[in-house]
Every structure is written in C-alpha cells, then in structure tokens.
C-alpha cells in the first residue's frame, strides 16, 4: 500500500508539472518586452503648467523601460525602432478631510498620463492613458506649498507607472 501511494504521488506530480509547462503561460512582461524590442526613444511633451513634473515623468518611463523591460534607450529618433511620447494629460487636487476649524487637512492628487508609441517596422501607432493617485496631508491652517505640490504629483505619477507595463502588454494584442 505504501509503494502504491508513492507511485500515485509521482504520477500526480508528473501530470501537474507537465500540464503547467505545456500550457504555454507567459507573463505580461514577456509581451511588453516583445512590444518594446529594439532601440527606444522617449519624447516628453512638456506641460506648461508643470514643466518640472514633466521631466520626472520622462525619468520614470526611462527607468521602467530599462529596469523592467531591458530596453535599449537611444538619444535620437533616427536610431530608434520604437518612438514613445509621454505627456501629462491632467492633474487634479481634491480635498478629502478638514480640521475641526474648517481648514483643509488631507488632499488627494490624481495625475493622468498619456502614452503613445509606434514601431517603425510596422508603422502601427498605439496609445493609452494611465492614472495614479496619492493622498497627502498639510499642516493646519497652511496652504499647499510648491514643494508639497511637486512631491505629491511626483508620487502620483510614479503610481500611474504601475499600470504602464500591463497596458503595453495588452496593446501588443491589438
């Protein structure tokens, strides 16, 4: 009886292992890497209201492409196989909480980013938007300082980039 249990365990393990290997599962990063294969050039559309944050957005996109997809970034559009445009579509602040004295205390910022890219080999253009949000507080009776505003927008944009990888993978099927 003991040998029979061992044999069943081995057969069961073999069947499960074979099923997982043969199903052809590939993670979304595999498809995103295929979509961004070759040399990539990233252009940033500078926002007139937030030029500093536009630079942060480009840096975050570069970091994502290099660290998560292993893309080769180039400095000129002529040398690129993929040209990507990043822009800040909108930034909105909303008050979430007030103090007992009626002052704003807790805010939420939402940043919507536009991503467009095209591959030169097939000429197909693809685009999508991603959004990220971030909650932050300020001291009682004060307004949002430029530093707090910049930091909040930066964090919100970083949170938006959590979606970019999956959106690129999904757009590879279109």
C-alpha atoms as a PDB file:
ATOM      1  CA  UNK A   1       0.000   0.000   0.000  1.00  0.00           C
ATOM      2  CA  UNK A   2       2.883   2.365   0.831  1.00  0.00           C
ATOM      3  CA  UNK A   3       4.502   1.812  -2.583  1.00  0.00           C
ATOM      4  CA  UNK A   4       1.189   2.452  -4.311  1.00  0.00           C
ATOM      5  CA  UNK A   5       0.908   5.868  -2.588  1.00  0.00           C
ATOM      6  CA  UNK A   6       4.444   6.776  -3.696  1.00  0.00           C
ATOM      7  CA  UNK A   7       3.710   5.777  -7.276  1.00  0.00           C
ATOM      8  CA  UNK A   8       0.469   7.768  -7.317  1.00  0.00           C
ATOM      9  CA  UNK A   9       2.290  10.794  -5.894  1.00  0.00           C
ATOM     10  CA  UNK A  10       4.986  10.566  -8.596  1.00  0.00           C
ATOM     11  CA  UNK A  11       2.415  10.188 -11.372  1.00  0.00           C
ATOM     12  CA  UNK A  12       0.300  13.035  -9.988  1.00  0.00           C
ATOM     13  CA  UNK A  13       3.370  15.308  -9.694  1.00  0.00           C
ATOM     14  CA  UNK A  14       4.419  14.444 -13.258  1.00  0.00           C
ATOM     15  CA  UNK A  15       0.946  15.179 -14.653  1.00  0.00           C
ATOM     16  CA  UNK A  16       0.691  18.547 -12.855  1.00  0.00           C
ATOM     17  CA  UNK A  17       4.217  19.570 -13.893  1.00  0.00           C
ATOM     18  CA  UNK A  18       3.606  18.573 -17.499  1.00  0.00           C
ATOM     19  CA  UNK A  19       0.293  20.468 -17.555  1.00  0.00           C
ATOM     20  CA  UNK A  20       1.862  23.695 -16.293  1.00  0.00           C
ATOM     21  CA  UNK A  21       4.794  23.528 -18.681  1.00  0.00           C
ATOM     22  CA  UNK A  22       2.736  22.654 -21.713  1.00  0.00           C
ATOM     23  CA  UNK A  23       0.003  25.266 -21.261  1.00  0.00           C
ATOM     24  CA  UNK A  24       2.242  27.996 -22.719  1.00  0.00           C
ATOM     25  CA  UNK A  25       1.724  30.562 -19.993  1.00  0.00           C
ATOM     26  CA  UNK A  26       3.835  33.687 -20.430  1.00  0.00           C
ATOM     27  CA  UNK A  27       3.850  36.663 -18.055  1.00  0.00           C
ATOM     28  CA  UNK A  28       2.713  40.094 -19.260  1.00  0.00           C
ATOM     29  CA  UNK A  29       6.290  41.368 -19.120  1.00  0.00           C
ATOM     30  CA  UNK A  30       7.151  38.894 -21.902  1.00  0.00           C
ATOM     31  CA  UNK A  31       4.641  40.559 -24.255  1.00  0.00           C
ATOM     32  CA  UNK A  32       5.658  44.052 -23.150  1.00  0.00           C
ATOM     33  CA  UNK A  33       9.324  43.218 -23.876  1.00  0.00           C
ATOM     34  CA  UNK A  34       8.371  41.979 -27.336  1.00  0.00           C
ATOM     35  CA  UNK A  35       6.402  45.181 -27.974  1.00  0.00           C
ATOM     36  CA  UNK A  36       9.347  47.397 -26.903  1.00  0.00           C
ATOM     37  CA  UNK A  37      12.001  45.295 -28.642  1.00  0.00           C
ATOM     38  CA  UNK A  38      14.902  47.168 -30.205  1.00  0.00           C
ATOM     39  CA  UNK A  39      16.042  50.736 -29.651  1.00  0.00           C
ATOM     40  CA  UNK A  40      13.552  53.018 -27.891  1.00  0.00           C
ATOM     41  CA  UNK A  41      13.422  56.807 -27.978  1.00  0.00           C
ATOM     42  CA  UNK A  42      11.268  58.585 -25.375  1.00  0.00           C
ATOM     43  CA  UNK A  43       9.882  62.061 -26.100  1.00  0.00           C
ATOM     44  CA  UNK A  44       8.228  64.117 -23.408  1.00  0.00           C
ATOM     45  CA  UNK A  45       5.566  66.675 -24.096  1.00  0.00           C
ATOM     46  CA  UNK A  46       6.452  69.414 -21.614  1.00  0.00           C
ATOM     47  CA  UNK A  47       3.452  70.670 -19.653  1.00  0.00           C
ATOM     48  CA  UNK A  48       3.446  74.455 -19.456  1.00  0.00           C
ATOM     49  CA  UNK A  49       1.828  74.339 -16.014  1.00  0.00           C
ATOM     50  CA  UNK A  50       4.179  71.651 -14.635  1.00  0.00           C
ATOM     51  CA  UNK A  51       7.494  71.589 -16.511  1.00  0.00           C
ATOM     52  CA  UNK A  52       9.390  70.079 -13.542  1.00  0.00           C
ATOM     53  CA  UNK A  53       6.963  67.200 -13.269  1.00  0.00           C
ATOM     54  CA  UNK A  54       7.209  66.513 -16.996  1.00  0.00           C
ATOM     55  CA  UNK A  55      10.903  65.753 -16.540  1.00  0.00           C
ATOM     56  CA  UNK A  56      10.101  63.384 -13.663  1.00  0.00           C
ATOM     57  CA  UNK A  57       7.588  61.577 -15.877  1.00  0.00           C
ATOM     58  CA  UNK A  58      10.229  61.016 -18.557  1.00  0.00           C
ATOM     59  CA  UNK A  59      12.725  59.766 -15.962  1.00  0.00           C
ATOM     60  CA  UNK A  60      10.176  57.306 -14.569  1.00  0.00           C
ATOM     61  CA  UNK A  61       9.383  55.994 -18.057  1.00  0.00           C
ATOM     62  CA  UNK A  62      13.091  55.564 -18.792  1.00  0.00           C
ATOM     63  CA  UNK A  63      13.535  53.704 -15.511  1.00  0.00           C
ATOM     64  CA  UNK A  64      10.612  51.393 -16.309  1.00  0.00           C
ATOM     65  CA  UNK A  65      11.885  50.645 -19.808  1.00  0.00           C
ATOM     66  CA  UNK A  66      15.422  49.904 -18.621  1.00  0.00           C
ATOM     67  CA  UNK A  67      14.781  48.080 -15.348  1.00  0.00           C
ATOM     68  CA  UNK A  68      11.655  46.083 -16.110  1.00  0.00           C
ATOM     69  CA  UNK A  69      11.833  45.569 -19.863  1.00  0.00           C
ATOM     70  CA  UNK A  70      15.568  45.724 -20.541  1.00  0.00           C
ATOM     71  CA  UNK A  71      15.022  48.181 -23.389  1.00  0.00           C
ATOM     72  CA  UNK A  72      17.894  49.924 -25.129  1.00  0.00           C
ATOM     73  CA  UNK A  73      17.281  53.688 -24.941  1.00  0.00           C
ATOM     74  CA  UNK A  74      18.732  55.918 -27.640  1.00  0.00           C
ATOM     75  CA  UNK A  75      19.202  59.694 -27.808  1.00  0.00           C
ATOM     76  CA  UNK A  76      17.836  60.304 -31.284  1.00  0.00           C
ATOM     77  CA  UNK A  77      14.631  59.419 -33.040  1.00  0.00           C
ATOM     78  CA  UNK A  78      16.518  58.366 -36.177  1.00  0.00           C
ATOM     79  CA  UNK A  79      18.247  55.488 -34.329  1.00  0.00           C
ATOM     80  CA  UNK A  80      15.040  54.233 -32.708  1.00  0.00           C
ATOM     81  CA  UNK A  81      12.890  51.245 -33.604  1.00  0.00           C
ATOM     82  CA  UNK A  82      10.173  52.430 -31.208  1.00  0.00           C
ATOM     83  CA  UNK A  83       9.300  56.085 -30.604  1.00  0.00           C
ATOM     84  CA  UNK A  84       7.330  56.794 -27.429  1.00  0.00           C
ATOM     85  CA  UNK A  85       5.574  60.037 -26.453  1.00  0.00           C
ATOM     86  CA  UNK A  86       4.727  60.700 -22.796  1.00  0.00           C
ATOM     87  CA  UNK A  87       2.585  63.599 -21.605  1.00  0.00           C
ATOM     88  CA  UNK A  88       0.778  64.769 -18.518  1.00  0.00           C
ATOM     89  CA  UNK A  89      -2.869  64.942 -19.626  1.00  0.00           C
ATOM     90  CA  UNK A  90      -4.291  66.300 -16.389  1.00  0.00           C
ATOM     91  CA  UNK A  91      -3.595  66.949 -12.729  1.00  0.00           C
ATOM     92  CA  UNK A  92      -6.394  67.388 -10.208  1.00  0.00           C
ATOM     93  CA  UNK A  93      -6.429  68.050  -6.482  1.00  0.00           C
ATOM     94  CA  UNK A  94      -9.324  67.243  -4.215  1.00  0.00           C
ATOM     95  CA  UNK A  95      -9.797  67.938  -0.517  1.00  0.00           C
ATOM     96  CA  UNK A  96     -10.500  64.757   1.442  1.00  0.00           C
ATOM     97  CA  UNK A  97     -10.606  65.994   5.024  1.00  0.00           C
ATOM     98  CA  UNK A  98     -10.965  69.189   7.037  1.00  0.00           C
ATOM     99  CA  UNK A  99      -9.855  70.051  10.569  1.00  0.00           C
ATOM    100  CA  UNK A 100     -12.400  70.972  13.247  1.00  0.00           C
ATOM    101  CA  UNK A 101     -11.534  74.618  12.494  1.00  0.00           C
ATOM    102  CA  UNK A 102     -12.525  74.180   8.843  1.00  0.00           C
ATOM    103  CA  UNK A 103      -9.032  74.129   7.338  1.00  0.00           C
ATOM    104  CA  UNK A 104      -8.126  71.682   4.589  1.00  0.00           C
ATOM    105  CA  UNK A 105      -6.005  68.894   6.035  1.00  0.00           C
ATOM    106  CA  UNK A 106      -5.912  65.924   3.678  1.00  0.00           C
ATOM    107  CA  UNK A 107      -5.692  66.106  -0.107  1.00  0.00           C
ATOM    108  CA  UNK A 108      -5.800  63.658  -2.975  1.00  0.00           C
ATOM    109  CA  UNK A 109      -3.993  64.302  -6.248  1.00  0.00           C
ATOM    110  CA  UNK A 110      -4.759  62.403  -9.449  1.00  0.00           C
ATOM    111  CA  UNK A 111      -2.371  62.511 -12.413  1.00  0.00           C
ATOM    112  CA  UNK A 112      -3.460  61.209 -15.810  1.00  0.00           C
ATOM    113  CA  UNK A 113      -0.621  60.384 -18.203  1.00  0.00           C
ATOM    114  CA  UNK A 114      -0.921  59.883 -21.941  1.00  0.00           C
ATOM    115  CA  UNK A 115       1.336  57.302 -23.580  1.00  0.00           C
ATOM    116  CA  UNK A 116       1.660  56.967 -27.359  1.00  0.00           C
ATOM    117  CA  UNK A 117       4.153  54.886 -29.264  1.00  0.00           C
ATOM    118  CA  UNK A 118       4.775  53.460 -32.666  1.00  0.00           C
ATOM    119  CA  UNK A 119       7.088  50.847 -34.082  1.00  0.00           C
ATOM    120  CA  UNK A 120       8.899  51.936 -37.225  1.00  0.00           C
ATOM    121  CA  UNK A 121       8.990  48.409 -38.665  1.00  0.00           C
ATOM    122  CA  UNK A 122       5.205  48.081 -38.959  1.00  0.00           C
ATOM    123  CA  UNK A 123       4.142  51.742 -38.622  1.00  0.00           C
ATOM    124  CA  UNK A 124       1.332  50.925 -36.199  1.00  0.00           C
ATOM    125  CA  UNK A 125       0.590  53.642 -33.645  1.00  0.00           C
ATOM    126  CA  UNK A 126      -0.831  52.748 -30.257  1.00  0.00           C
ATOM    127  CA  UNK A 127      -1.939  54.900 -27.362  1.00  0.00           C
ATOM    128  CA  UNK A 128      -3.431  54.604 -23.901  1.00  0.00           C
ATOM    129  CA  UNK A 129      -3.802  56.569 -20.690  1.00  0.00           C
ATOM    130  CA  UNK A 130      -2.856  55.631 -17.152  1.00  0.00           C
ATOM    131  CA  UNK A 131      -3.684  57.356 -13.924  1.00  0.00           C
ATOM    132  CA  UNK A 132      -2.245  57.377 -10.458  1.00  0.00           C
ATOM    133  CA  UNK A 133      -3.314  58.953  -7.245  1.00  0.00           C
ATOM    134  CA  UNK A 134      -1.675  59.938  -3.998  1.00  0.00           C
ATOM    135  CA  UNK A 135      -3.040  61.190  -0.672  1.00  0.00           C
ATOM    136  CA  UNK A 136      -1.096  63.700   1.396  1.00  0.00           C
ATOM    137  CA  UNK A 137      -1.659  65.979   4.353  1.00  0.00           C
ATOM    138  CA  UNK A 138      -0.587  69.502   5.177  1.00  0.00           C
ATOM    139  CA  UNK A 139      -0.165  71.351   8.467  1.00  0.00           C
ATOM    140  CA  UNK A 140      -3.210  73.017   9.992  1.00  0.00           C
ATOM    141  CA  UNK A 141      -4.008  76.423   8.562  1.00  0.00           C
ATOM    142  CA  UNK A 142      -1.470  76.292   5.725  1.00  0.00           C
ATOM    143  CA  UNK A 143      -1.826  76.037   2.003  1.00  0.00           C
ATOM    144  CA  UNK A 144      -0.169  73.565  -0.340  1.00  0.00           C
ATOM    145  CA  UNK A 145       3.419  74.669  -0.804  1.00  0.00           C
ATOM    146  CA  UNK A 146       5.192  74.306  -4.136  1.00  0.00           C
ATOM    147  CA  UNK A 147       7.367  71.562  -2.632  1.00  0.00           C
ATOM    148  CA  UNK A 148       4.366  69.579  -1.324  1.00  0.00           C
ATOM    149  CA  UNK A 149       2.608  70.001  -4.680  1.00  0.00           C
ATOM    150  CA  UNK A 150       5.673  68.812  -6.610  1.00  0.00           C
ATOM    151  CA  UNK A 151       6.191  65.813  -4.317  1.00  0.00           C
ATOM    152  CA  UNK A 152       2.514  64.839  -4.477  1.00  0.00           C
ATOM    153  CA  UNK A 153       2.428  64.995  -8.277  1.00  0.00           C
ATOM    154  CA  UNK A 154       5.672  63.015  -8.464  1.00  0.00           C
ATOM    155  CA  UNK A 155       4.295  60.253  -6.220  1.00  0.00           C
ATOM    156  CA  UNK A 156       1.030  60.153  -8.130  1.00  0.00           C
ATOM    157  CA  UNK A 157       2.881  59.862 -11.457  1.00  0.00           C
ATOM    158  CA  UNK A 158       5.024  57.038 -10.053  1.00  0.00           C
ATOM    159  CA  UNK A 159       1.833  55.234  -9.027  1.00  0.00           C
ATOM    160  CA  UNK A 160       0.486  55.670 -12.566  1.00  0.00           C
ATOM    161  CA  UNK A 161       3.515  53.877 -13.972  1.00  0.00           C
ATOM    162  CA  UNK A 162       2.438  50.707 -12.162  1.00  0.00           C
ATOM    163  CA  UNK A 163      -0.144  50.319 -14.949  1.00  0.00           C
ATOM    164  CA  UNK A 164       2.104  51.072 -17.927  1.00  0.00           C
ATOM    165  CA  UNK A 165       3.691  47.622 -18.177  1.00  0.00           C
ATOM    166  CA  UNK A 166       0.343  45.822 -18.325  1.00  0.00           C
ATOM    167  CA  UNK A 167      -1.114  48.375 -20.780  1.00  0.00           C
ATOM    168  CA  UNK A 168       1.838  47.843 -23.144  1.00  0.00           C
ATOM    169  CA  UNK A 169       1.361  44.078 -22.894  1.00  0.00           C
ATOM    170  CA  UNK A 170      -2.365  44.347 -23.612  1.00  0.00           C
ATOM    171  CA  UNK A 171      -1.809  46.706 -26.541  1.00  0.00           C
ATOM    172  CA  UNK A 172       0.569  44.156 -28.102  1.00  0.00           C
ATOM    173  CA  UNK A 173      -2.505  42.042 -28.936  1.00  0.00           C
ATOM    174  CA  UNK A 174      -4.310  44.835 -30.796  1.00  0.00           C
END
